PDB file of N, CA and C in Angstrom:
ATOM      1  N   MET A   1       0.682  -0.946   0.040  1.00  0.00           N
ATOM      2  CA  MET A   1       0.229  -0.085   0.285  1.00  0.00           C
ATOM      3  C   MET A   1       0.744   1.310   0.184  1.00  0.00           C
ATOM      4  N   SER A   2       0.257   2.320  -1.034  1.00  0.00           N
ATOM      5  CA  SER A   2       1.320   3.324  -0.898  1.00  0.00           C
ATOM      6  C   SER A   2       0.560   5.178  -0.030  1.00  0.00           C
ATOM      7  N   LYS A   3       1.842   5.590   0.179  1.00  0.00           N
ATOM      8  CA  LYS A   3       1.131   6.700   1.557  1.00  0.00           C
ATOM      9  C   LYS A   3       0.514   7.571   0.893  1.00  0.00           C
ATOM     10  N   GLY A   4       0.660   7.753  -0.122  1.00  0.00           N
ATOM     11  CA  GLY A   4      -0.526   8.875  -1.535  1.00  0.00           C
ATOM     12  C   GLY A   4       0.163   8.624  -2.598  1.00  0.00           C
ATOM     13  N   LEU A   5      -0.386   9.697  -3.810  1.00  0.00           N
ATOM     14  CA  LEU A   5      -0.006   9.665  -4.552  1.00  0.00           C
ATOM     15  C   LEU A   5       0.804   9.678  -5.635  1.00  0.00           C
ATOM     16  N   GLY A   6       2.172  10.313  -4.779  1.00  0.00           N
ATOM     17  CA  GLY A   6       3.423  10.757  -4.836  1.00  0.00           C
ATOM     18  C   GLY A   6       4.613   9.329  -4.551  1.00  0.00           C
ATOM     19  N   SER A   7       3.796   8.506  -3.665  1.00  0.00           N
ATOM     20  CA  SER A   7       4.054   7.010  -3.368  1.00  0.00           C
ATOM     21  C   SER A   7       4.481   6.758  -4.351  1.00  0.00           C
ATOM     22  N   LYS A   8       2.915   6.336  -4.933  1.00  0.00           N
ATOM     23  CA  LYS A   8       2.682   5.171  -6.191  1.00  0.00           C
ATOM     24  C   LYS A   8       3.347   5.615  -7.812  1.00  0.00           C
ATOM     25  N   ILE A   9       3.534   7.346  -7.826  1.00  0.00           N
ATOM     26  CA  ILE A   9       3.972   7.755  -8.367  1.00  0.00           C
ATOM     27  C   ILE A   9       5.740   7.238  -8.554  1.00  0.00           C
ATOM     28  N   GLU A  10       6.188   6.656  -7.609  1.00  0.00           N
ATOM     29  CA  GLU A  10       7.817   6.709  -7.676  1.00  0.00           C
ATOM     30  C   GLU A  10       7.362   4.959  -7.826  1.00  0.00           C
ATOM     31  N   LYS A  11       6.567   4.611  -7.350  1.00  0.00           N
ATOM     32  CA  LYS A  11       6.441   3.186  -7.436  1.00  0.00           C
ATOM     33  C   LYS A  11       6.580   2.575  -9.111  1.00  0.00           C
ATOM     34  N   ILE A  12       5.976   3.097  -9.735  1.00  0.00           N
ATOM     35  CA  ILE A  12       5.405   3.441 -11.364  1.00  0.00           C
ATOM     36  C   ILE A  12       6.570   3.894 -11.999  1.00  0.00           C
ATOM     37  N   THR A  13       7.867   4.840 -11.242  1.00  0.00           N
ATOM     38  CA  THR A  13       9.093   4.813 -12.102  1.00  0.00           C
ATOM     39  C   THR A  13      10.337   4.505 -12.077  1.00  0.00           C
ATOM     40  N   LYS A  14      10.057   3.913 -11.006  1.00  0.00           N
ATOM     41  CA  LYS A  14      10.772   2.736 -10.018  1.00  0.00           C
ATOM     42  C   LYS A  14      10.971   1.448 -11.178  1.00  0.00           C
ATOM     43  N   ALA A  15       9.426   1.200 -11.519  1.00  0.00           N
ATOM     44  CA  ALA A  15       9.485  -0.782 -11.827  1.00  0.00           C
ATOM     45  C   ALA A  15       9.375  -0.010 -13.330  1.00  0.00           C
ATOM     46  N   THR A  16       8.846   1.208 -14.229  1.00  0.00           N
ATOM     47  CA  THR A  16       9.265   1.415 -15.519  1.00  0.00           C
ATOM     48  C   THR A  16      10.852   1.387 -15.812  1.00  0.00           C
ATOM     49  N   GLY A  17      11.880   2.029 -14.300  1.00  0.00           N
ATOM     50  CA  GLY A  17      12.893   2.376 -15.320  1.00  0.00           C
ATOM     51  C   GLY A  17      13.587   3.912 -15.532  1.00  0.00           C
ATOM     52  N   ILE A  18      11.899   4.429 -15.374  1.00  0.00           N
ATOM     53  CA  ILE A  18      12.262   5.648 -15.208  1.00  0.00           C
ATOM     54  C   ILE A  18      13.052   6.756 -14.523  1.00  0.00           C
ATOM     55  N   LYS A  19      12.587   5.941 -12.995  1.00  0.00           N
ATOM     56  CA  LYS A  19      13.381   6.718 -11.954  1.00  0.00           C
ATOM     57  C   LYS A  19      14.638   6.887 -12.580  1.00  0.00           C
ATOM     58  N   ALA A  20      15.813   5.508 -13.079  1.00  0.00           N
ATOM     59  CA  ALA A  20      16.832   5.190 -13.017  1.00  0.00           C
ATOM     60  C   ALA A  20      17.686   6.371 -14.022  1.00  0.00           C
ATOM     61  N   VAL A  21      16.538   6.601 -15.323  1.00  0.00           N
ATOM     62  CA  VAL A  21      17.369   7.783 -16.181  1.00  0.00           C
ATOM     63  C   VAL A  21      17.157   9.098 -15.567  1.00  0.00           C
ATOM     64  N   VAL A  22      16.123   9.525 -14.786  1.00  0.00           N
ATOM     65  CA  VAL A  22      16.005  10.898 -14.116  1.00  0.00           C
ATOM     66  C   VAL A  22      17.079  10.982 -13.542  1.00  0.00           C
ATOM     67  N   ASP A  23      17.550   9.801 -13.035  1.00  0.00           N
ATOM     68  CA  ASP A  23      18.506   9.930 -11.203  1.00  0.00           C
ATOM     69  C   ASP A  23      19.991  10.122 -12.295  1.00  0.00           C
ATOM     70  N   LYS A  24      19.646  10.001 -13.029  1.00  0.00           N
ATOM     71  CA  LYS A  24      21.542   9.660 -14.276  1.00  0.00           C
ATOM     72  C   LYS A  24      21.548  10.958 -14.845  1.00  0.00           C
ATOM     73  N   VAL A  25      20.091  11.646 -15.235  1.00  0.00           N
ATOM     74  CA  VAL A  25      20.601  12.594 -16.252  1.00  0.00           C
ATOM     75  C   VAL A  25      20.856  13.804 -14.671  1.00  0.00           C
ATOM     76  N   SER A  26      20.050  13.639 -13.758  1.00  0.00           N
ATOM     77  CA  SER A  26      20.278  14.478 -12.625  1.00  0.00           C
ATOM     78  C   SER A  26      22.126  14.877 -12.082  1.00  0.00           C
ATOM     79  N   GLU A  27      22.699  13.495 -12.211  1.00  0.00           N
ATOM     80  CA  GLU A  27      23.674  12.733 -11.861  1.00  0.00           C
ATOM     81  C   GLU A  27      24.683  13.786 -12.995  1.00  0.00           C
ATOM     82  N   VAL A  28      24.190  13.739 -14.122  1.00  0.00           N
ATOM     83  CA  VAL A  28      25.454  14.376 -15.018  1.00  0.00           C
ATOM     84  C   VAL A  28      25.131  15.879 -15.489  1.00  0.00           C
ATOM     85  N   THR A  29      24.138  16.237 -15.100  1.00  0.00           N
ATOM     86  CA  THR A  29      23.888  17.428 -14.990  1.00  0.00           C
ATOM     87  C   THR A  29      24.163  18.319 -13.812  1.00  0.00           C
ATOM     88  N   GLY A  30      23.963  17.598 -12.833  1.00  0.00           N
ATOM     89  CA  GLY A  30      24.433  18.461 -11.514  1.00  0.00           C
ATOM     90  C   GLY A  30      23.225  19.254 -10.885  1.00  0.00           C
ATOM     91  N   LYS A  31      22.175  19.101 -11.293  1.00  0.00           N
ATOM     92  CA  LYS A  31      20.686  19.476 -10.717  1.00  0.00           C
ATOM     93  C   LYS A  31      19.619  18.358 -10.223  1.00  0.00           C
ATOM     94  N   PRO A  32      19.484  18.883  -9.118  1.00  0.00           N
ATOM     95  CA  PRO A  32      18.002  17.622  -8.616  1.00  0.00           C
ATOM     96  C   PRO A  32      17.082  17.648  -9.005  1.00  0.00           C
ATOM     97  N   CYS A  33      16.680  16.460  -9.464  1.00  0.00           N
ATOM     98  CA  CYS A  33      15.160  16.328  -9.983  1.00  0.00           C
ATOM     99  C   CYS A  33      14.342  16.593  -8.936  1.00  0.00           C
ATOM    100  N   GLY A  34      14.319  17.214  -7.600  1.00  0.00           N
ATOM    101  CA  GLY A  34      13.042  17.081  -7.056  1.00  0.00           C
ATOM    102  C   GLY A  34      12.109  16.361  -6.791  1.00  0.00           C
ATOM    103  N   CYS A  35      12.777  14.991  -7.433  1.00  0.00           N
ATOM    104  CA  CYS A  35      11.277  14.233  -6.955  1.00  0.00           C
ATOM    105  C   CYS A  35      10.760  13.785  -5.736  1.00  0.00           C
ATOM    106  N   ASN A  36      12.134  13.911  -4.499  1.00  0.00           N
ATOM    107  CA  ASN A  36      11.515  13.698  -3.326  1.00  0.00           C
ATOM    108  C   ASN A  36      10.173  14.625  -2.582  1.00  0.00           C
ATOM    109  N   GLU A  37      10.969  16.003  -3.284  1.00  0.00           N
ATOM    110  CA  GLU A  37       9.458  16.999  -2.320  1.00  0.00           C
ATOM    111  C   GLU A  37       8.646  16.828  -3.407  1.00  0.00           C
ATOM    112  N   ARG A  38       8.558  16.705  -4.900  1.00  0.00           N
ATOM    113  CA  ARG A  38       7.293  16.536  -5.683  1.00  0.00           C
ATOM    114  C   ARG A  38       6.490  14.998  -4.632  1.00  0.00           C
ATOM    115  N   LYS A  39       7.357  14.448  -4.217  1.00  0.00           N
ATOM    116  CA  LYS A  39       6.342  13.001  -4.121  1.00  0.00           C
ATOM    117  C   LYS A  39       5.802  13.083  -2.503  1.00  0.00           C
ATOM    118  N   LYS A  40       6.661  13.938  -1.656  1.00  0.00           N
ATOM    119  CA  LYS A  40       6.032  14.561  -0.600  1.00  0.00           C
ATOM    120  C   LYS A  40       4.577  15.324  -0.460  1.00  0.00           C
ATOM    121  N   THR A  41       5.087  16.499  -1.830  1.00  0.00           N
ATOM    122  CA  THR A  41       3.705  17.357  -1.683  1.00  0.00           C
ATOM    123  C   THR A  41       2.737  16.747  -2.424  1.00  0.00           C
ATOM    124  N   LEU A  42       2.739  15.559  -3.142  1.00  0.00           N
ATOM    125  CA  LEU A  42       1.996  14.560  -3.636  1.00  0.00           C
ATOM    126  C   LEU A  42       1.419  13.767  -2.329  1.00  0.00           C
ATOM    127  N   ASP A  43       1.796  13.135  -1.870  1.00  0.00           N
ATOM    128  CA  ASP A  43       1.671  12.559  -0.865  1.00  0.00           C
ATOM    129  C   ASP A  43       0.725  12.891   0.351  1.00  0.00           C
ATOM    130  N   GLU A  44       0.827  14.290   0.564  1.00  0.00           N
ATOM    131  CA  GLU A  44       0.121  15.414   1.406  1.00  0.00           C
ATOM    132  C   GLU A  44      -1.353  15.879   0.473  1.00  0.00           C
ATOM    133  N   LEU A  45      -0.900  16.582  -0.522  1.00  0.00           N
ATOM    134  CA  LEU A  45      -2.600  16.897  -1.091  1.00  0.00           C
ATOM    135  C   LEU A  45      -3.674  15.150  -1.742  1.00  0.00           C
ATOM    136  N   TYR A  46      -2.833  14.106  -1.717  1.00  0.00           N
ATOM    137  CA  TYR A  46      -3.581  13.074  -2.426  1.00  0.00           C
ATOM    138  C   TYR A  46      -3.326  12.077  -1.502  1.00  0.00           C
ATOM    139  N   PRO A  47      -3.415  11.879  -0.578  1.00  0.00           N
ATOM    140  CA  PRO A  47      -2.979  10.810   0.577  1.00  0.00           C
ATOM    141  C   PRO A  47      -3.839   9.363   0.784  1.00  0.00           C
ATOM    142  N   SER A  48      -3.009   8.379   0.375  1.00  0.00           N
ATOM    143  CA  SER A  48      -3.965   6.804   0.404  1.00  0.00           C
ATOM    144  C   SER A  48      -4.849   6.625   1.509  1.00  0.00           C
ATOM    145  N   LYS A  49      -6.295   6.198   1.067  1.00  0.00           N
ATOM    146  CA  LYS A  49      -7.307   6.125   2.060  1.00  0.00           C
ATOM    147  C   LYS A  49      -6.949   5.842   3.454  1.00  0.00           C
ATOM    148  N   GLY A  50      -7.014   6.188   4.812  1.00  0.00           N
ATOM    149  CA  GLY A  50      -6.817   5.442   5.738  1.00  0.00           C
ATOM    150  C   GLY A  50      -4.923   6.150   5.857  1.00  0.00           C
ATOM    151  N   TYR A  51      -3.948   6.943   5.421  1.00  0.00           N
ATOM    152  CA  TYR A  51      -3.176   6.860   5.667  1.00  0.00           C
ATOM    153  C   TYR A  51      -2.316   8.149   6.397  1.00  0.00           C
ATOM    154  N   LEU A  52      -1.515   8.114   6.743  1.00  0.00           N
ATOM    155  CA  LEU A  52      -1.601   9.934   7.577  1.00  0.00           C
ATOM    156  C   LEU A  52      -0.858  10.831   6.090  1.00  0.00           C
ATOM    157  N   LYS A  53      -1.321  12.251   6.501  1.00  0.00           N
ATOM    158  CA  LYS A  53      -0.505  13.134   5.332  1.00  0.00           C
ATOM    159  C   LYS A  53       0.888  12.738   6.050  1.00  0.00           C
ATOM    160  N   PRO A  54       1.408  13.294   5.358  1.00  0.00           N
ATOM    161  CA  PRO A  54       3.642  13.784   5.828  1.00  0.00           C
ATOM    162  C   PRO A  54       3.216  14.902   6.913  1.00  0.00           C
ATOM    163  N   SER A  55       2.757  15.728   7.003  1.00  0.00           N
ATOM    164  CA  SER A  55       2.342  16.605   7.740  1.00  0.00           C
ATOM    165  C   SER A  55       1.949  15.714   9.048  1.00  0.00           C
ATOM    166  N   GLU A  56       0.752  15.234   8.952  1.00  0.00           N
ATOM    167  CA  GLU A  56      -0.157  14.064   9.672  1.00  0.00           C
ATOM    168  C   GLU A  56       1.160  13.404  10.585  1.00  0.00           C
ATOM    169  N   TYR A  57       2.101  12.945   9.955  1.00  0.00           N
ATOM    170  CA  TYR A  57       2.936  11.691  10.504  1.00  0.00           C
ATOM    171  C   TYR A  57       3.988  12.454  11.338  1.00  0.00           C
ATOM    172  N   GLU A  58       4.529  13.965  10.886  1.00  0.00           N
ATOM    173  CA  GLU A  58       5.303  14.880  12.033  1.00  0.00           C
ATOM    174  C   GLU A  58       4.374  14.783  12.934  1.00  0.00           C
ATOM    175  N   TYR A  59       3.733  15.633  13.109  1.00  0.00           N
ATOM    176  CA  TYR A  59       2.945  15.897  14.566  1.00  0.00           C
ATOM    177  C   TYR A  59       2.475  14.481  15.292  1.00  0.00           C
ATOM    178  N   VAL A  60       2.093  13.419  14.895  1.00  0.00           N
ATOM    179  CA  VAL A  60       1.737  12.220  15.451  1.00  0.00           C
ATOM    180  C   VAL A  60       2.833  11.759  16.285  1.00  0.00           C
ATOM    181  N   LYS A  61       4.201  11.920  14.950  1.00  0.00           N
ATOM    182  CA  LYS A  61       5.246  11.129  15.968  1.00  0.00           C
ATOM    183  C   LYS A  61       5.276  12.100  17.035  1.00  0.00           C
ATOM    184  N   GLU A  62       5.565  13.786  16.585  1.00  0.00           N
ATOM    185  CA  GLU A  62       5.869  14.101  17.667  1.00  0.00           C
ATOM    186  C   GLU A  62       5.631  14.240  19.071  1.00  0.00           C
ATOM    187  N   PHE A  63       4.157  13.714  18.947  1.00  0.00           N
ATOM    188  CA  PHE A  63       3.190  14.018  19.676  1.00  0.00           C
ATOM    189  C   PHE A  63       3.576  12.320  21.165  1.00  0.00           C
ATOM    190  N   PHE A  64       4.239  11.631  19.818  1.00  0.00           N
ATOM    191  CA  PHE A  64       4.326  10.233  20.888  1.00  0.00           C
ATOM    192  C   PHE A  64       5.822  10.452  21.496  1.00  0.00           C
ATOM    193  N   GLU A  65       6.509  11.081  20.440  1.00  0.00           N
ATOM    194  CA  GLU A  65       8.408  10.932  21.950  1.00  0.00           C
ATOM    195  C   GLU A  65       7.810  12.207  23.439  1.00  0.00           C
ATOM    196  N   ARG A  66       6.932  12.785  23.015  1.00  0.00           N
ATOM    197  CA  ARG A  66       6.329  13.192  24.404  1.00  0.00           C
ATOM    198  C   ARG A  66       5.821  13.147  25.699  1.00  0.00           C
ATOM    199  N   TYR A  67       3.883  12.083  24.711  1.00  0.00           N
ATOM    200  CA  TYR A  67       3.424  11.456  25.221  1.00  0.00           C
ATOM    201  C   TYR A  67       3.450  10.726  26.461  1.00  0.00           C
ATOM    202  N   ASN A  68       3.451  10.751  28.081  1.00  0.00           N
ATOM    203  CA  ASN A  68       3.637  10.059  28.774  1.00  0.00           C
ATOM    204  C   ASN A  68       2.705   8.676  29.280  1.00  0.00           C
ATOM    205  N   GLY A  69       1.626   8.654  27.976  1.00  0.00           N
ATOM    206  CA  GLY A  69       0.676   7.934  28.998  1.00  0.00           C
ATOM    207  C   GLY A  69      -0.645   7.903  29.306  1.00  0.00           C
ATOM    208  N   SER A  70      -0.532   9.210  30.209  1.00  0.00           N
ATOM    209  CA  SER A  70      -1.666   9.307  30.958  1.00  0.00           C
ATOM    210  C   SER A  70      -2.139  10.442  30.314  1.00  0.00           C
ATOM    211  N   LYS A  71      -2.702  11.659  29.691  1.00  0.00           N
ATOM    212  CA  LYS A  71      -3.692  12.237  29.562  1.00  0.00           C
ATOM    213  C   LYS A  71      -2.902  13.336  28.883  1.00  0.00           C
ATOM    214  N   LEU A  72      -3.826  13.973  27.584  1.00  0.00           N
ATOM    215  CA  LEU A  72      -3.341  15.049  27.039  1.00  0.00           C
ATOM    216  C   LEU A  72      -3.186  15.997  27.304  1.00  0.00           C
ATOM    217  N   GLU A  73      -2.179  17.129  26.659  1.00  0.00           N
ATOM    218  CA  GLU A  73      -1.962  18.451  27.647  1.00  0.00           C
ATOM    219  C   GLU A  73      -2.617  19.327  27.521  1.00  0.00           C
ATOM    220  N   THR A  74      -3.343  19.903  25.996  1.00  0.00           N
ATOM    221  CA  THR A  74      -4.460  20.682  25.485  1.00  0.00           C
ATOM    222  C   THR A  74      -5.334  20.388  25.515  1.00  0.00           C
ATOM    223  N   TYR A  75      -6.310  20.953  25.108  1.00  0.00           N
ATOM    224  CA  TYR A  75      -7.568  20.547  23.873  1.00  0.00           C
ATOM    225  C   TYR A  75      -7.049  20.952  22.829  1.00  0.00           C
ATOM    226  N   GLU A  76      -6.346  21.987  22.014  1.00  0.00           N
ATOM    227  CA  GLU A  76      -6.152  21.970  21.044  1.00  0.00           C
ATOM    228  C   GLU A  76      -5.358  20.585  20.593  1.00  0.00           C
ATOM    229  N   GLU A  77      -4.364  20.000  21.573  1.00  0.00           N
ATOM    230  CA  GLU A  77      -3.644  18.440  21.042  1.00  0.00           C
ATOM    231  C   GLU A  77      -5.020  17.741  20.705  1.00  0.00           C
ATOM    232  N   ARG A  78      -5.563  17.892  21.625  1.00  0.00           N
ATOM    233  CA  ARG A  78      -6.954  16.937  21.067  1.00  0.00           C
ATOM    234  C   ARG A  78      -7.704  17.020  20.563  1.00  0.00           C
ATOM    235  N   ASN A  79      -7.842  18.136  20.265  1.00  0.00           N
ATOM    236  CA  ASN A  79      -8.349  18.456  18.797  1.00  0.00           C
ATOM    237  C   ASN A  79      -7.834  18.108  17.629  1.00  0.00           C
ATOM    238  N   MET A  80      -6.680  18.297  17.329  1.00  0.00           N
ATOM    239  CA  MET A  80      -5.854  18.135  16.260  1.00  0.00           C
ATOM    240  C   MET A  80      -5.727  16.722  16.024  1.00  0.00           C
ATOM    241  N   LEU A  81      -5.597  15.321  17.528  1.00  0.00           N
ATOM    242  CA  LEU A  81      -5.285  14.018  17.101  1.00  0.00           C
ATOM    243  C   LEU A  81      -6.454  13.705  16.732  1.00  0.00           C
ATOM    244  N   LEU A  82      -7.674  14.503  17.255  1.00  0.00           N
ATOM    245  CA  LEU A  82      -9.099  14.225  16.910  1.00  0.00           C
ATOM    246  C   LEU A  82      -9.208  14.080  14.794  1.00  0.00           C
ATOM    247  N   ALA A  83      -8.764  15.286  14.840  1.00  0.00           N
ATOM    248  CA  ALA A  83      -9.302  15.684  13.090  1.00  0.00           C
ATOM    249  C   ALA A  83      -8.515  14.755  12.265  1.00  0.00           C
ATOM    250  N   ILE A  84      -7.386  14.085  12.552  1.00  0.00           N
ATOM    251  CA  ILE A  84      -6.545  13.545  12.308  1.00  0.00           C
ATOM    252  C   ILE A  84      -7.175  12.089  11.886  1.00  0.00           C
ATOM    253  N   TYR A  85      -7.666  11.686  13.097  1.00  0.00           N
ATOM    254  CA  TYR A  85      -8.045  10.219  13.495  1.00  0.00           C
ATOM    255  C   TYR A  85      -9.556   9.999  12.659  1.00  0.00           C
ATOM    256  N   ASN A  86     -10.396  11.385  12.501  1.00  0.00           N
ATOM    257  CA  ASN A  86     -11.288  11.225  11.674  1.00  0.00           C
ATOM    258  C   ASN A  86     -11.041  11.044  10.167  1.00  0.00           C
ATOM    259  N   ARG A  87     -10.436  11.873   9.723  1.00  0.00           N
ATOM    260  CA  ARG A  87      -9.833  11.821   8.354  1.00  0.00           C
ATOM    261  C   ARG A  87      -9.176  10.888   8.166  1.00  0.00           C
ATOM    262  N   THR A  88      -8.361   9.972   8.832  1.00  0.00           N
ATOM    263  CA  THR A  88      -7.728   9.001   8.291  1.00  0.00           C
ATOM    264  C   THR A  88      -8.722   7.784   8.364  1.00  0.00           C
ATOM    265  N   ASN A  89      -9.589   7.589   8.907  1.00  0.00           N
ATOM    266  CA  ASN A  89     -10.925   6.727   9.665  1.00  0.00           C
ATOM    267  C   ASN A  89     -12.212   6.876   8.753  1.00  0.00           C
ATOM    268  N   MET A  90     -12.437   8.486   8.916  1.00  0.00           N
ATOM    269  CA  MET A  90     -13.534   8.265   7.948  1.00  0.00           C
ATOM    270  C   MET A  90     -14.725   8.396   8.531  1.00  0.00           C
ATOM    271  N   LYS A  91     -14.350   9.078  10.355  1.00  0.00           N
ATOM    272  CA  LYS A  91     -15.236   8.936  10.831  1.00  0.00           C
ATOM    273  C   LYS A  91     -15.766  10.605  11.129  1.00  0.00           C
ATOM    274  N   ASN A  92     -16.371  10.748  12.224  1.00  0.00           N
ATOM    275  CA  ASN A  92     -17.473  11.850  12.913  1.00  0.00           C
ATOM    276  C   ASN A  92     -17.269  12.322  13.733  1.00  0.00           C
ATOM    277  N   GLN A  93     -15.921  11.619  15.043  1.00  0.00           N
ATOM    278  CA  GLN A  93     -15.866  11.667  16.403  1.00  0.00           C
ATOM    279  C   GLN A  93     -16.170  13.103  16.732  1.00  0.00           C
ATOM    280  N   LYS A  94     -16.685  13.363  17.795  1.00  0.00           N
ATOM    281  CA  LYS A  94     -16.652  14.726  18.051  1.00  0.00           C
ATOM    282  C   LYS A  94     -16.173  14.681  19.325  1.00  0.00           C
ATOM    283  N   PRO A  95     -15.447  15.941  19.634  1.00  0.00           N
ATOM    284  CA  PRO A  95     -14.425  16.430  21.132  1.00  0.00           C
ATOM    285  C   PRO A  95     -15.076  15.376  22.179  1.00  0.00           C
ATOM    286  N   THR A  96     -14.023  14.994  22.849  1.00  0.00           N
ATOM    287  CA  THR A  96     -14.978  14.420  24.553  1.00  0.00           C
ATOM    288  C   THR A  96     -13.323  14.581  25.252  1.00  0.00           C
ATOM    289  N   SER A  97     -14.007  14.349  26.639  1.00  0.00           N
ATOM    290  CA  SER A  97     -13.057  14.029  27.213  1.00  0.00           C
ATOM    291  C   SER A  97     -13.254  13.019  28.250  1.00  0.00           C
ATOM    292  N   CYS A  98     -13.738  11.917  27.240  1.00  0.00           N
ATOM    293  CA  CYS A  98     -14.129  10.563  27.508  1.00  0.00           C
ATOM    294  C   CYS A  98     -12.757   9.923  27.631  1.00  0.00           C
ATOM    295  N   THR A  99     -11.975   9.146  28.877  1.00  0.00           N
ATOM    296  CA  THR A  99     -10.639   8.599  29.118  1.00  0.00           C
ATOM    297  C   THR A  99     -10.489   7.667  28.022  1.00  0.00           C
ATOM    298  N   SER A 100     -11.076   6.888  28.407  1.00  0.00           N
ATOM    299  CA  SER A 100     -11.164   5.391  27.413  1.00  0.00           C
ATOM    300  C   SER A 100     -11.107   5.629  25.968  1.00  0.00           C
ATOM    301  N   CYS A 101     -12.220   6.841  25.566  1.00  0.00           N
ATOM    302  CA  CYS A 101     -12.519   7.271  23.789  1.00  0.00           C
ATOM    303  C   CYS A 101     -11.187   7.494  23.894  1.00  0.00           C
ATOM    304  N   LEU A 102     -10.861   8.251  24.300  1.00  0.00           N
ATOM    305  CA  LEU A 102      -9.448   9.300  23.932  1.00  0.00           C
ATOM    306  C   LEU A 102      -8.234   8.122  24.014  1.00  0.00           C
ATOM    307  N   ARG A 103      -8.343   7.251  25.283  1.00  0.00           N
ATOM    308  CA  ARG A 103      -7.213   6.694  24.732  1.00  0.00           C
ATOM    309  C   ARG A 103      -7.574   5.007  23.535  1.00  0.00           C
ATOM    310  N   GLY A 104      -8.923   4.685  23.223  1.00  0.00           N
ATOM    311  CA  GLY A 104      -8.781   4.579  21.732  1.00  0.00           C
ATOM    312  C   GLY A 104      -8.264   5.119  20.800  1.00  0.00           C
ATOM    313  N   ILE A 105      -9.099   6.288  20.678  1.00  0.00           N
ATOM    314  CA  ILE A 105      -8.538   7.545  19.581  1.00  0.00           C
ATOM    315  C   ILE A 105      -6.637   7.438  19.837  1.00  0.00           C
ATOM    316  N   VAL A 106      -5.890   7.419  20.394  1.00  0.00           N
ATOM    317  CA  VAL A 106      -4.249   7.717  20.802  1.00  0.00           C
ATOM    318  C   VAL A 106      -3.832   6.155  20.412  1.00  0.00           C
ATOM    319  N   GLU A 107      -4.363   5.127  20.803  1.00  0.00           N
ATOM    320  CA  GLU A 107      -4.191   3.698  20.167  1.00  0.00           C
ATOM    321  C   GLU A 107      -4.436   3.937  18.192  1.00  0.00           C
ATOM    322  N   ASN A 108      -5.080   4.258  17.806  1.00  0.00           N
ATOM    323  CA  ASN A 108      -4.989   4.088  16.361  1.00  0.00           C
ATOM    324  C   ASN A 108      -4.680   4.612  15.810  1.00  0.00           C
ATOM    325  N   LEU A 109      -4.392   6.032  16.156  1.00  0.00           N
ATOM    326  CA  LEU A 109      -3.250   6.841  15.811  1.00  0.00           C
ATOM    327  C   LEU A 109      -1.872   6.637  16.034  1.00  0.00           C
ATOM    328  N   ARG A 110      -1.266   5.422  16.887  1.00  0.00           N
ATOM    329  CA  ARG A 110      -0.203   4.950  17.352  1.00  0.00           C
ATOM    330  C   ARG A 110      -0.126   3.821  16.020  1.00  0.00           C
ATOM    331  N   ASN A 111      -1.290   3.139  15.441  1.00  0.00           N
ATOM    332  CA  ASN A 111      -1.172   1.771  14.829  1.00  0.00           C
ATOM    333  C   ASN A 111      -0.730   2.991  13.491  1.00  0.00           C
ATOM    334  N   LYS A 112      -1.500   4.234  13.192  1.00  0.00           N
ATOM    335  CA  LYS A 112      -1.089   4.645  11.966  1.00  0.00           C
ATOM    336  C   LYS A 112      -0.007   4.968  11.704  1.00  0.00           C
ATOM    337  N   LEU A 113       0.829   5.582  12.685  1.00  0.00           N
ATOM    338  CA  LEU A 113       1.605   5.759  12.650  1.00  0.00           C
ATOM    339  C   LEU A 113       2.777   4.434  12.182  1.00  0.00           C
ATOM    340  N   LYS A 114       2.642   3.510  12.795  1.00  0.00           N
ATOM    341  CA  LYS A 114       3.348   2.155  12.399  1.00  0.00           C
ATOM    342  C   LYS A 114       3.420   2.015  11.170  1.00  0.00           C
ATOM    343  N   GLU A 115       1.706   1.921  10.567  1.00  0.00           N
ATOM    344  CA  GLU A 115       1.447   1.775   9.477  1.00  0.00           C
ATOM    345  C   GLU A 115       2.983   3.018   8.549  1.00  0.00           C
ATOM    346  N   TYR A 116       2.538   3.903   8.382  1.00  0.00           N
ATOM    347  CA  TYR A 116       3.311   4.901   7.797  1.00  0.00           C
ATOM    348  C   TYR A 116       4.850   4.517   7.997  1.00  0.00           C
ATOM    349  N   GLU A 117       5.389   4.132   9.003  1.00  0.00           N
ATOM    350  CA  GLU A 117       6.865   4.401   8.686  1.00  0.00           C
ATOM    351  C   GLU A 117       7.073   2.934   8.293  1.00  0.00           C
ATOM    352  N   THR A 118       6.409   1.628   7.718  1.00  0.00           N
ATOM    353  CA  THR A 118       6.336   0.515   6.989  1.00  0.00           C
ATOM    354  C   THR A 118       6.207   0.740   5.926  1.00  0.00           C
ATOM    355  N   ALA A 119       5.521   1.411   5.471  1.00  0.00           N
ATOM    356  CA  ALA A 119       4.879   1.700   4.097  1.00  0.00           C
ATOM    357  C   ALA A 119       6.575   2.206   3.320  1.00  0.00           C
TER     358      ALA A 119
END
């Protein structure tokens, strides 16, 4: 499964040999091809169903680096995680203070983070 449109295009260009040609031309001319930036932009604009966007990945990754496992720090943090959860799961979960509900959302996003990192 690809993270988004950019990752899909990258797979196609590698499989067809286009990527190797582009890399060689880039090497010879000394001009970067911009493939990685283009890939990231397209993945951000057109993520695959259920996958994090690159910006969401960065937010969730940073969240888990500081998350102590007990509670969310701010309402803004809760709302951002909820927005990411709703988009990636095609849900319309409303903001809540229910600890078990929030725990489920956090665990779902932990799984999304792992999926993103292994894709």
